[in-house]
Amino acid sequence: MNHCYRLSILICLLLLFSTSSQAVDLPAVLQYERVVDLSVPVSGTVSSVLVEEGQSVQKGDLLLQLEDLPFKVNVEKTAAELRLLKAERLAMEKELNRNKELYERMVLSTVSLDGSELNFIRADSLWNAKQAELKLVKYAYEKSHLRAPFTGKIIARAVEPGQTIRTEMQAPVLLRLANTAGFIVEAEVTADKIGILAHGVKLQVRIAGKLFPAMVKSTILLSPGQSLSQPARYRVKVKLERTDPGFRPGMSATLVTNSQIK
């Protein structure tokens, strides 16, 4: 009798466990993990666009360039001005050193020496300022050529040759680049499911019939709950620990996790 009682208790516990711990499948969508809007930080006219939508690119590839004549002219003009200021600074330095010798020999007044020092400081400041300006115009010339910051795929193009780019207020988005090496899965869930999808939780994702290990990356509140019929909703982003060559954004996926549900 005691044996039968123990057996019945064990069966009840097994039934309770099997009903309380069950797999929860949640519909989701595959997306690129990293998508970057690309532009140029300088104004100018687009000379050429070297990529099309859907084209794969490598890090450092030239994607777009502005007409470079204005940038080249600025670099040459600033470099010429810098050479003149360098010569003037050298002349002021020589004059200052000469006047220091004369002052030590007591054949030059303090006022004249102070004037020489002021002239040198002025020439030195102008020379240093022009050096900084040259760095800026070289930077502008470099940034008139847009290069891929990482290996990926062009997923949007909003620019054509001949288009004028103005960046005084806000640089316009010219291209969108997706990193094809990383994917995430996005799902929308209600508040009763968010507890099993906390940040860092390990789970599996089913894509095209295959299971892939993954981890919850973030959860974002989309809308607060209004009532029992309109519960709060969250967007969950899940990072895949490995990818597959057949992955494409927009593919259907399923989050597979275990939950203690009664």
C-alpha atoms as a PDB file:
ATOM      1  CA  MET A   1       0.000   0.000   0.000  1.00  0.00           C
ATOM      2  CA  ASN A   2       2.816   2.357   0.921  1.00  0.00           C
ATOM      3  CA  HIS A   3       4.558   1.487  -2.358  1.00  0.00           C
ATOM      4  CA  CYS A   4       1.416   2.282  -4.379  1.00  0.00           C
ATOM      5  CA  TYR A   5       1.036   5.611  -2.567  1.00  0.00           C
ATOM      6  CA  ARG A   6       4.607   6.621  -3.390  1.00  0.00           C
ATOM      7  CA  LEU A   7       4.132   5.588  -6.999  1.00  0.00           C
ATOM      8  CA  SER A   8       0.980   7.683  -7.323  1.00  0.00           C
ATOM      9  CA  ILE A   9       2.787  10.725  -5.876  1.00  0.00           C
ATOM     10  CA  LEU A  10       5.612  10.266  -8.375  1.00  0.00           C
ATOM     11  CA  ILE A  11       3.177  10.056 -11.274  1.00  0.00           C
ATOM     12  CA  CYS A  12       1.440  13.231 -10.118  1.00  0.00           C
ATOM     13  CA  LEU A  13       4.745  15.085  -9.932  1.00  0.00           C
ATOM     14  CA  LEU A  14       5.710  13.948 -13.410  1.00  0.00           C
ATOM     15  CA  LEU A  15       2.346  15.062 -14.789  1.00  0.00           C
ATOM     16  CA  LEU A  16       2.663  18.406 -13.028  1.00  0.00           C
ATOM     17  CA  PHE A  17       6.137  18.940 -14.452  1.00  0.00           C
ATOM     18  CA  SER A  18       5.083  18.001 -17.960  1.00  0.00           C
ATOM     19  CA  THR A  19       2.178  20.449 -17.893  1.00  0.00           C
ATOM     20  CA  SER A  20       4.033  23.324 -16.209  1.00  0.00           C
ATOM     21  CA  SER A  21       7.265  23.216 -18.268  1.00  0.00           C
ATOM     22  CA  GLN A  22       6.475  23.397 -21.939  1.00  0.00           C
ATOM     23  CA  ALA A  23       7.959  24.831 -25.093  1.00  0.00           C
ATOM     24  CA  VAL A  24       6.640  28.200 -26.207  1.00  0.00           C
ATOM     25  CA  ASP A  25       6.922  29.031 -29.907  1.00  0.00           C
ATOM     26  CA  LEU A  26       6.728  32.690 -30.897  1.00  0.00           C
ATOM     27  CA  PRO A  27       6.602  33.951 -34.500  1.00  0.00           C
ATOM     28  CA  ALA A  28       9.457  36.247 -35.507  1.00  0.00           C
ATOM     29  CA  VAL A  29      11.237  37.764 -38.508  1.00  0.00           C
ATOM     30  CA  LEU A  30      14.909  37.598 -39.529  1.00  0.00           C
ATOM     31  CA  GLN A  31      16.680  40.960 -39.902  1.00  0.00           C
ATOM     32  CA  TYR A  32      20.191  42.307 -40.421  1.00  0.00           C
ATOM     33  CA  GLU A  33      21.780  43.040 -37.053  1.00  0.00           C
ATOM     34  CA  ARG A  34      23.558  46.184 -38.230  1.00  0.00           C
ATOM     35  CA  VAL A  35      22.333  48.658 -40.845  1.00  0.00           C
ATOM     36  CA  VAL A  36      24.107  52.010 -41.302  1.00  0.00           C
ATOM     37  CA  ASP A  37      22.953  55.116 -43.157  1.00  0.00           C
ATOM     38  CA  LEU A  38      25.850  56.519 -45.164  1.00  0.00           C
ATOM     39  CA  SER A  39      26.468  60.089 -46.276  1.00  0.00           C
ATOM     40  CA  VAL A  40      29.308  62.562 -46.730  1.00  0.00           C
ATOM     41  CA  PRO A  41      30.055  65.346 -44.196  1.00  0.00           C
ATOM     42  CA  VAL A  42      30.882  67.895 -46.925  1.00  0.00           C
ATOM     43  CA  SER A  43      28.827  69.712 -49.543  1.00  0.00           C
ATOM     44  CA  GLY A  44      29.371  69.276 -53.248  1.00  0.00           C
ATOM     45  CA  THR A  45      28.110  67.779 -56.491  1.00  0.00           C
ATOM     46  CA  VAL A  46      28.062  64.007 -56.928  1.00  0.00           C
ATOM     47  CA  SER A  47      30.508  62.957 -59.619  1.00  0.00           C
ATOM     48  CA  SER A  48      29.835  59.202 -59.624  1.00  0.00           C
ATOM     49  CA  VAL A  49      27.996  56.487 -57.712  1.00  0.00           C
ATOM     50  CA  LEU A  50      29.811  53.184 -58.000  1.00  0.00           C
ATOM     51  CA  VAL A  51      27.300  50.806 -56.412  1.00  0.00           C
ATOM     52  CA  GLU A  52      23.759  49.584 -56.963  1.00  0.00           C
ATOM     53  CA  GLU A  53      21.134  48.255 -54.581  1.00  0.00           C
ATOM     54  CA  GLY A  54      21.791  44.641 -53.697  1.00  0.00           C
ATOM     55  CA  GLN A  55      25.505  44.886 -54.494  1.00  0.00           C
ATOM     56  CA  SER A  56      27.980  43.330 -52.053  1.00  0.00           C
ATOM     57  CA  VAL A  57      30.966  45.489 -51.081  1.00  0.00           C
ATOM     58  CA  GLN A  58      34.164  45.038 -49.098  1.00  0.00           C
ATOM     59  CA  LYS A  59      35.409  47.295 -46.334  1.00  0.00           C
ATOM     60  CA  GLY A  60      37.221  50.271 -47.878  1.00  0.00           C
ATOM     61  CA  ASP A  61      35.554  49.996 -51.306  1.00  0.00           C
ATOM     62  CA  LEU A  62      34.807  53.358 -52.942  1.00  0.00           C
ATOM     63  CA  LEU A  63      31.035  53.793 -53.073  1.00  0.00           C
ATOM     64  CA  LEU A  64      30.560  57.396 -54.170  1.00  0.00           C
ATOM     65  CA  GLN A  65      32.592  60.519 -54.866  1.00  0.00           C
ATOM     66  CA  LEU A  66      31.930  64.223 -55.256  1.00  0.00           C
ATOM     67  CA  GLU A  67      33.501  66.407 -57.919  1.00  0.00           C
ATOM     68  CA  ASP A  68      36.987  66.872 -56.497  1.00  0.00           C
ATOM     69  CA  LEU A  69      38.184  70.045 -58.273  1.00  0.00           C
ATOM     70  CA  PRO A  70      36.944  72.472 -55.555  1.00  0.00           C
ATOM     71  CA  PHE A  71      38.556  70.333 -52.853  1.00  0.00           C
ATOM     72  CA  LYS A  72      41.872  70.071 -54.714  1.00  0.00           C
ATOM     73  CA  VAL A  73      41.936  73.829 -55.317  1.00  0.00           C
ATOM     74  CA  ASN A  74      41.317  74.476 -51.615  1.00  0.00           C
ATOM     75  CA  VAL A  75      44.188  72.192 -50.642  1.00  0.00           C
ATOM     76  CA  GLU A  76      46.586  73.842 -53.122  1.00  0.00           C
ATOM     77  CA  LYS A  77      45.497  77.381 -52.147  1.00  0.00           C
ATOM     78  CA  THR A  78      45.882  76.697 -48.407  1.00  0.00           C
ATOM     79  CA  ALA A  79      49.243  74.991 -48.921  1.00  0.00           C
ATOM     80  CA  ALA A  80      50.509  78.049 -50.873  1.00  0.00           C
ATOM     81  CA  GLU A  81      49.314  80.412 -48.129  1.00  0.00           C
ATOM     82  CA  LEU A  82      51.033  78.216 -45.559  1.00  0.00           C
ATOM     83  CA  ARG A  83      54.348  78.462 -47.411  1.00  0.00           C
ATOM     84  CA  LEU A  84      54.112  82.272 -47.365  1.00  0.00           C
ATOM     85  CA  LEU A  85      53.264  82.341 -43.655  1.00  0.00           C
ATOM     86  CA  LYS A  86      56.136  79.977 -42.935  1.00  0.00           C
ATOM     87  CA  ALA A  87      58.546  82.358 -44.678  1.00  0.00           C
ATOM     88  CA  GLU A  88      57.126  85.343 -42.800  1.00  0.00           C
ATOM     89  CA  ARG A  89      57.414  83.485 -39.496  1.00  0.00           C
ATOM     90  CA  LEU A  90      61.054  82.645 -40.265  1.00  0.00           C
ATOM     91  CA  ALA A  91      61.760  86.300 -41.061  1.00  0.00           C
ATOM     92  CA  MET A  92      60.113  87.436 -37.810  1.00  0.00           C
ATOM     93  CA  GLU A  93      62.085  84.840 -35.867  1.00  0.00           C
ATOM     94  CA  LYS A  94      65.371  86.055 -37.364  1.00  0.00           C
ATOM     95  CA  GLU A  95      64.461  89.662 -36.621  1.00  0.00           C
ATOM     96  CA  LEU A  96      63.583  88.775 -33.040  1.00  0.00           C
ATOM     97  CA  ASN A  97      66.872  86.935 -32.483  1.00  0.00           C
ATOM     98  CA  ARG A  98      68.810  89.852 -33.976  1.00  0.00           C
ATOM     99  CA  ASN A  99      66.984  92.359 -31.814  1.00  0.00           C
ATOM    100  CA  LYS A 100      67.652  90.254 -28.721  1.00  0.00           C
ATOM    101  CA  GLU A 101      71.397  90.485 -29.449  1.00  0.00           C
ATOM    102  CA  LEU A 102      71.120  94.253 -29.930  1.00  0.00           C
ATOM    103  CA  TYR A 103      69.154  94.574 -26.718  1.00  0.00           C
ATOM    104  CA  GLU A 104      71.800  92.644 -24.793  1.00  0.00           C
ATOM    105  CA  ARG A 105      74.431  95.018 -26.200  1.00  0.00           C
ATOM    106  CA  MET A 106      72.220  97.880 -24.994  1.00  0.00           C
ATOM    107  CA  VAL A 107      71.774  99.391 -28.453  1.00  0.00           C
ATOM    108  CA  LEU A 108      68.032  98.570 -28.705  1.00  0.00           C
ATOM    109  CA  SER A 109      65.188  99.784 -26.533  1.00  0.00           C
ATOM    110  CA  THR A 110      62.805  97.540 -24.623  1.00  0.00           C
ATOM    111  CA  VAL A 111      59.908  98.898 -26.669  1.00  0.00           C
ATOM    112  CA  SER A 112      61.557  97.797 -29.919  1.00  0.00           C
ATOM    113  CA  LEU A 113      62.293  94.334 -28.507  1.00  0.00           C
ATOM    114  CA  ASP A 114      58.704  93.983 -27.321  1.00  0.00           C
ATOM    115  CA  GLY A 115      57.521  94.938 -30.808  1.00  0.00           C
ATOM    116  CA  SER A 116      59.717  92.260 -32.368  1.00  0.00           C
ATOM    117  CA  GLU A 117      58.361  89.643 -29.949  1.00  0.00           C
ATOM    118  CA  LEU A 118      54.788  90.658 -30.763  1.00  0.00           C
ATOM    119  CA  ASN A 119      55.494  90.431 -34.507  1.00  0.00           C
ATOM    120  CA  PHE A 120      56.913  86.935 -34.079  1.00  0.00           C
ATOM    121  CA  ILE A 121      53.968  85.793 -31.944  1.00  0.00           C
ATOM    122  CA  ARG A 122      51.569  87.106 -34.581  1.00  0.00           C
ATOM    123  CA  ALA A 123      53.452  85.377 -37.423  1.00  0.00           C
ATOM    124  CA  ASP A 124      53.728  82.140 -35.428  1.00  0.00           C
ATOM    125  CA  SER A 125      49.989  82.160 -34.609  1.00  0.00           C
ATOM    126  CA  LEU A 126      49.007  82.746 -38.232  1.00  0.00           C
ATOM    127  CA  TRP A 127      51.308  79.928 -39.361  1.00  0.00           C
ATOM    128  CA  ASN A 128      49.850  77.492 -36.810  1.00  0.00           C
ATOM    129  CA  ALA A 129      46.280  78.479 -37.694  1.00  0.00           C
ATOM    130  CA  LYS A 130      46.974  77.907 -41.389  1.00  0.00           C
ATOM    131  CA  GLN A 131      48.449  74.480 -40.587  1.00  0.00           C
ATOM    132  CA  ALA A 132      45.164  73.580 -38.872  1.00  0.00           C
ATOM    133  CA  GLU A 133      43.220  74.932 -41.846  1.00  0.00           C
ATOM    134  CA  LEU A 134      45.265  72.764 -44.213  1.00  0.00           C
ATOM    135  CA  LYS A 135      44.343  69.690 -42.159  1.00  0.00           C
ATOM    136  CA  LEU A 136      40.677  70.619 -42.461  1.00  0.00           C
ATOM    137  CA  VAL A 137      40.701  71.093 -46.233  1.00  0.00           C
ATOM    138  CA  LYS A 138      42.611  67.820 -46.651  1.00  0.00           C
ATOM    139  CA  TYR A 139      39.993  66.139 -44.458  1.00  0.00           C
ATOM    140  CA  ALA A 140      37.201  67.615 -46.625  1.00  0.00           C
ATOM    141  CA  TYR A 141      38.915  66.303 -49.762  1.00  0.00           C
ATOM    142  CA  GLU A 142      39.254  62.844 -48.211  1.00  0.00           C
ATOM    143  CA  LYS A 143      35.618  62.812 -47.081  1.00  0.00           C
ATOM    144  CA  SER A 144      34.376  63.772 -50.543  1.00  0.00           C
ATOM    145  CA  HIS A 145      35.062  60.100 -51.335  1.00  0.00           C
ATOM    146  CA  LEU A 146      32.606  57.799 -49.532  1.00  0.00           C
ATOM    147  CA  ARG A 147      34.018  54.361 -48.692  1.00  0.00           C
ATOM    148  CA  ALA A 148      32.411  51.292 -47.131  1.00  0.00           C
ATOM    149  CA  PRO A 149      33.051  51.250 -43.349  1.00  0.00           C
ATOM    150  CA  PHE A 150      32.634  47.459 -43.269  1.00  0.00           C
ATOM    151  CA  THR A 151      31.936  44.492 -45.519  1.00  0.00           C
ATOM    152  CA  GLY A 152      28.255  44.144 -46.368  1.00  0.00           C
ATOM    153  CA  LYS A 153      25.508  44.778 -48.888  1.00  0.00           C
ATOM    154  CA  ILE A 154      23.976  47.983 -50.245  1.00  0.00           C
ATOM    155  CA  ILE A 155      20.276  47.768 -49.428  1.00  0.00           C
ATOM    156  CA  ALA A 156      19.175  51.273 -50.477  1.00  0.00           C
ATOM    157  CA  ARG A 157      20.454  53.987 -52.828  1.00  0.00           C
ATOM    158  CA  ALA A 158      19.052  57.524 -52.799  1.00  0.00           C
ATOM    159  CA  VAL A 159      21.602  59.419 -54.887  1.00  0.00           C
ATOM    160  CA  GLU A 160      22.512  59.922 -58.541  1.00  0.00           C
ATOM    161  CA  PRO A 161      25.436  61.564 -60.379  1.00  0.00           C
ATOM    162  CA  GLY A 162      24.908  65.308 -60.767  1.00  0.00           C
ATOM    163  CA  GLN A 163      22.973  65.600 -57.503  1.00  0.00           C
ATOM    164  CA  THR A 164      24.029  68.473 -55.256  1.00  0.00           C
ATOM    165  CA  ILE A 165      24.650  67.573 -51.621  1.00  0.00           C
ATOM    166  CA  ARG A 166      24.150  70.257 -48.941  1.00  0.00           C
ATOM    167  CA  THR A 167      25.317  69.417 -45.433  1.00  0.00           C
ATOM    168  CA  GLU A 168      24.943  72.784 -43.709  1.00  0.00           C
ATOM    169  CA  MET A 169      21.918  71.650 -41.702  1.00  0.00           C
ATOM    170  CA  GLN A 170      21.926  67.825 -41.830  1.00  0.00           C
ATOM    171  CA  ALA A 171      23.747  65.457 -44.140  1.00  0.00           C
ATOM    172  CA  PRO A 172      21.235  63.544 -46.301  1.00  0.00           C
ATOM    173  CA  VAL A 173      21.246  59.737 -46.352  1.00  0.00           C
ATOM    174  CA  LEU A 174      22.761  58.640 -49.661  1.00  0.00           C
ATOM    175  CA  LEU A 175      23.233  54.888 -49.212  1.00  0.00           C
ATOM    176  CA  ARG A 176      22.260  52.228 -46.674  1.00  0.00           C
ATOM    177  CA  LEU A 177      24.755  49.476 -45.920  1.00  0.00           C
ATOM    178  CA  ALA A 178      23.879  46.244 -44.111  1.00  0.00           C
ATOM    179  CA  ASN A 179      26.427  44.015 -42.399  1.00  0.00           C
ATOM    180  CA  THR A 180      25.659  40.585 -43.853  1.00  0.00           C
ATOM    181  CA  ALA A 181      27.843  38.816 -41.281  1.00  0.00           C
ATOM    182  CA  GLY A 182      25.355  39.281 -38.443  1.00  0.00           C
ATOM    183  CA  PHE A 183      21.614  38.642 -38.131  1.00  0.00           C
ATOM    184  CA  ILE A 184      19.015  39.119 -35.437  1.00  0.00           C
ATOM    185  CA  VAL A 185      15.458  37.894 -35.060  1.00  0.00           C
ATOM    186  CA  GLU A 186      12.700  40.312 -34.090  1.00  0.00           C
ATOM    187  CA  ALA A 187       9.391  39.383 -32.478  1.00  0.00           C
ATOM    188  CA  GLU A 188       6.482  41.235 -30.879  1.00  0.00           C
ATOM    189  CA  VAL A 189       5.168  39.675 -27.676  1.00  0.00           C
ATOM    190  CA  THR A 190       2.670  40.517 -24.968  1.00  0.00           C
ATOM    191  CA  ALA A 191       3.527  41.242 -21.340  1.00  0.00           C
ATOM    192  CA  ASP A 192       2.776  37.671 -20.199  1.00  0.00           C
ATOM    193  CA  LYS A 193       5.601  36.364 -22.419  1.00  0.00           C
ATOM    194  CA  ILE A 194       8.218  39.034 -21.777  1.00  0.00           C
ATOM    195  CA  GLY A 195       9.330  37.409 -18.534  1.00  0.00           C
ATOM    196  CA  ILE A 196      10.747  34.409 -20.416  1.00  0.00           C
ATOM    197  CA  LEU A 197      12.575  36.693 -22.869  1.00  0.00           C
ATOM    198  CA  ALA A 198      14.646  38.835 -20.540  1.00  0.00           C
ATOM    199  CA  HIS A 199      18.007  40.230 -21.649  1.00  0.00           C
ATOM    200  CA  GLY A 200      20.667  37.507 -21.845  1.00  0.00           C
ATOM    201  CA  VAL A 201      18.252  34.554 -21.883  1.00  0.00           C
ATOM    202  CA  LYS A 202      19.447  31.653 -24.052  1.00  0.00           C
ATOM    203  CA  LEU A 203      17.017  30.081 -26.494  1.00  0.00           C
ATOM    204  CA  GLN A 204      16.772  28.555 -29.942  1.00  0.00           C
ATOM    205  CA  VAL A 205      15.467  29.971 -33.196  1.00  0.00           C
ATOM    206  CA  ARG A 206      13.917  27.836 -35.901  1.00  0.00           C
ATOM    207  CA  ILE A 207      14.595  29.097 -39.433  1.00  0.00           C
ATOM    208  CA  ALA A 208      13.745  27.061 -42.551  1.00  0.00           C
ATOM    209  CA  GLY A 209      13.350  23.947 -40.416  1.00  0.00           C
ATOM    210  CA  LYS A 210      16.729  24.288 -38.673  1.00  0.00           C
ATOM    211  CA  LEU A 211      17.423  25.235 -35.060  1.00  0.00           C
ATOM    212  CA  PHE A 212      20.043  27.888 -34.267  1.00  0.00           C
ATOM    213  CA  PRO A 213      21.348  28.895 -30.810  1.00  0.00           C
ATOM    214  CA  ALA A 214      20.595  32.486 -29.853  1.00  0.00           C
ATOM    215  CA  MET A 215      20.396  34.943 -26.969  1.00  0.00           C
ATOM    216  CA  VAL A 216      17.976  37.771 -26.172  1.00  0.00           C
ATOM    217  CA  LYS A 217      19.727  41.048 -27.018  1.00  0.00           C
ATOM    218  CA  SER A 218      17.110  43.637 -26.011  1.00  0.00           C
ATOM    219  CA  THR A 219      13.451  44.204 -25.174  1.00  0.00           C
ATOM    220  CA  ILE A 220      11.642  47.459 -25.947  1.00  0.00           C
ATOM    221  CA  LEU A 221       8.174  48.508 -24.810  1.00  0.00           C
ATOM    222  CA  LEU A 222       6.078  49.299 -27.903  1.00  0.00           C
ATOM    223  CA  SER A 223       2.765  50.152 -26.243  1.00  0.00           C
ATOM    224  CA  PRO A 224       1.580  50.139 -22.623  1.00  0.00           C
ATOM    225  CA  GLY A 225      -1.335  47.910 -21.742  1.00  0.00           C
ATOM    226  CA  GLN A 226      -4.783  49.517 -21.916  1.00  0.00           C
ATOM    227  CA  SER A 227      -6.877  46.604 -20.669  1.00  0.00           C
ATOM    228  CA  LEU A 228      -6.973  42.810 -20.485  1.00  0.00           C
ATOM    229  CA  SER A 229      -8.024  42.745 -24.120  1.00  0.00           C
ATOM    230  CA  GLN A 230      -5.232  45.185 -25.039  1.00  0.00           C
ATOM    231  CA  PRO A 231      -2.146  44.078 -23.061  1.00  0.00           C
ATOM    232  CA  ALA A 232       1.241  45.756 -23.242  1.00  0.00           C
ATOM    233  CA  ARG A 233       3.349  44.760 -26.220  1.00  0.00           C
ATOM    234  CA  TYR A 234       7.132  44.493 -26.488  1.00  0.00           C
ATOM    235  CA  ARG A 235       9.614  44.173 -29.334  1.00  0.00           C
ATOM    236  CA  VAL A 236      12.243  41.535 -28.628  1.00  0.00           C
ATOM    237  CA  LYS A 237      15.555  41.359 -30.504  1.00  0.00           C
ATOM    238  CA  VAL A 238      17.385  38.044 -30.396  1.00  0.00           C
ATOM    239  CA  LYS A 239      20.984  37.710 -31.605  1.00  0.00           C
ATOM    240  CA  LEU A 240      21.875  34.520 -33.465  1.00  0.00           C
ATOM    241  CA  GLU A 241      25.130  32.937 -32.311  1.00  0.00           C
ATOM    242  CA  ARG A 242      25.799  31.573 -35.801  1.00  0.00           C
ATOM    243  CA  THR A 243      24.440  32.312 -39.250  1.00  0.00           C
ATOM    244  CA  ASP A 244      23.681  30.411 -42.412  1.00  0.00           C
ATOM    245  CA  PRO A 245      24.556  31.307 -46.033  1.00  0.00           C
ATOM    246  CA  GLY A 246      20.883  31.020 -46.906  1.00  0.00           C
ATOM    247  CA  PHE A 247      19.757  33.719 -44.468  1.00  0.00           C
ATOM    248  CA  ARG A 248      17.803  36.592 -45.995  1.00  0.00           C
ATOM    249  CA  PRO A 249      16.162  39.512 -44.160  1.00  0.00           C
ATOM    250  CA  GLY A 250      12.422  39.103 -43.928  1.00  0.00           C
ATOM    251  CA  MET A 251      12.520  35.322 -43.601  1.00  0.00           C
ATOM    252  CA  SER A 252      10.031  33.842 -41.143  1.00  0.00           C
ATOM    253  CA  ALA A 253      11.487  32.516 -37.911  1.00  0.00           C
ATOM    254  CA  THR A 254      10.248  31.025 -34.651  1.00  0.00           C
ATOM    255  CA  LEU A 255      11.561  31.655 -31.148  1.00  0.00           C
ATOM    256  CA  VAL A 256      11.649  28.386 -29.234  1.00  0.00           C
ATOM    257  CA  THR A 257      11.944  28.652 -25.472  1.00  0.00           C
ATOM    258  CA  ASN A 258      10.787  26.910 -22.312  1.00  0.00           C
ATOM    259  CA  SER A 259       8.435  28.674 -19.931  1.00  0.00           C
ATOM    260  CA  GLN A 260       6.927  27.866 -16.565  1.00  0.00           C
ATOM    261  CA  ILE A 261       3.272  28.288 -17.497  1.00  0.00           C
ATOM    262  CA  LYS A 262       0.398  26.889 -15.461  1.00  0.00           C
END
